Protein backbone atom coordinates (compact mmCIF):
# COMPACT_ATOMS: atom_id res chain seq x y z
CA ASP A 1 -77.97 33.82 225.68
CA GLN A 2 -77.03 31.80 228.77
CA LYS A 3 -78.44 28.41 229.76
CA LEU A 4 -78.69 27.43 233.43
CA PHE A 5 -79.58 24.03 234.83
CA PHE A 6 -81.12 23.81 238.28
CA SER A 7 -83.00 20.83 239.80
CA ASN A 8 -83.04 19.08 236.43
CA LYS A 9 -84.67 22.09 234.78
CA GLU A 10 -83.23 24.30 232.08
CA PHE A 11 -83.53 28.08 232.29
CA VAL A 12 -82.49 30.42 229.51
CA ILE A 13 -81.49 34.02 230.16
CA LYS A 14 -81.66 36.04 226.96
CA LYS A 15 -78.97 38.53 226.05
CA ASN A 16 -79.71 41.89 227.78
CA GLU A 17 -82.52 40.33 229.83
CA LYS A 18 -82.83 41.91 233.28
CA ILE A 19 -82.63 39.59 236.28
CA GLN A 20 -83.20 40.27 239.97
CA THR A 21 -80.03 39.66 241.98
CA GLU A 22 -80.98 40.84 245.47
CA ILE A 23 -83.83 40.96 247.95
CA SER A 24 -83.36 43.30 250.87
CA LYS A 25 -85.46 42.86 254.02
CA LYS A 26 -86.45 45.79 256.14
CA PHE A 27 -87.15 45.81 259.86
CA THR A 28 -88.53 48.40 262.23
CA PHE A 29 -86.42 49.22 265.28
CA ASN A 30 -88.76 47.20 267.54
CA THR A 31 -88.86 44.20 265.20
CA PHE A 32 -85.07 44.12 264.89
CA SER A 33 -84.63 44.50 268.67
CA SER A 34 -87.01 41.59 269.31
CA LEU A 35 -85.27 39.47 266.70
CA THR A 36 -81.83 40.07 268.20
CA LYS A 37 -83.13 39.43 271.73
CA SER A 38 -84.56 36.06 270.68
CA ALA A 39 -81.11 35.18 269.28
CA GLY A 40 -79.37 36.01 272.58
CA TRP A 41 -78.24 39.55 271.76
CA LYS A 42 -79.28 43.00 272.93
CA VAL A 43 -79.01 46.37 271.22
CA LYS A 44 -76.28 48.32 272.98
CA LYS A 45 -76.25 51.34 270.65
CA TYR A 46 -77.73 52.31 267.31
CA TRP A 47 -77.47 55.00 264.66
CA PHE A 48 -79.95 56.15 261.99
CA ASP A 49 -79.58 58.36 258.94
CA LYS A 50 -81.57 61.61 259.06
CA ASN A 51 -84.56 60.04 257.24
CA LYS A 52 -84.43 56.81 259.28
CA HIS A 53 -84.12 54.74 256.11
CA TYR A 54 -80.82 53.14 257.15
CA SER A 55 -79.39 52.10 260.49
CA ILE A 56 -76.40 50.48 262.14
CA PHE A 57 -76.72 48.52 265.37
CA LEU A 58 -74.07 47.63 267.92
CA LEU A 59 -75.12 44.38 269.60
CA GLN A 60 -73.94 42.79 272.83
CA ASN A 61 -74.24 39.14 273.85
CA GLN A 62 -76.77 38.79 276.69
């Protein structure tokens, strides 16, 4: 077992207990484009996998 202390609270993780280590956020093309534009960037080029589950974006400073 492992004890963790955070904000004056004790948490115990039992041996072999599963814990979540990642949260991945997903965006549509339009949502991501709007988000980058609001941050001062524009989408110059993009690539998708054949199922459009994954993408890579090349951004350019506006």
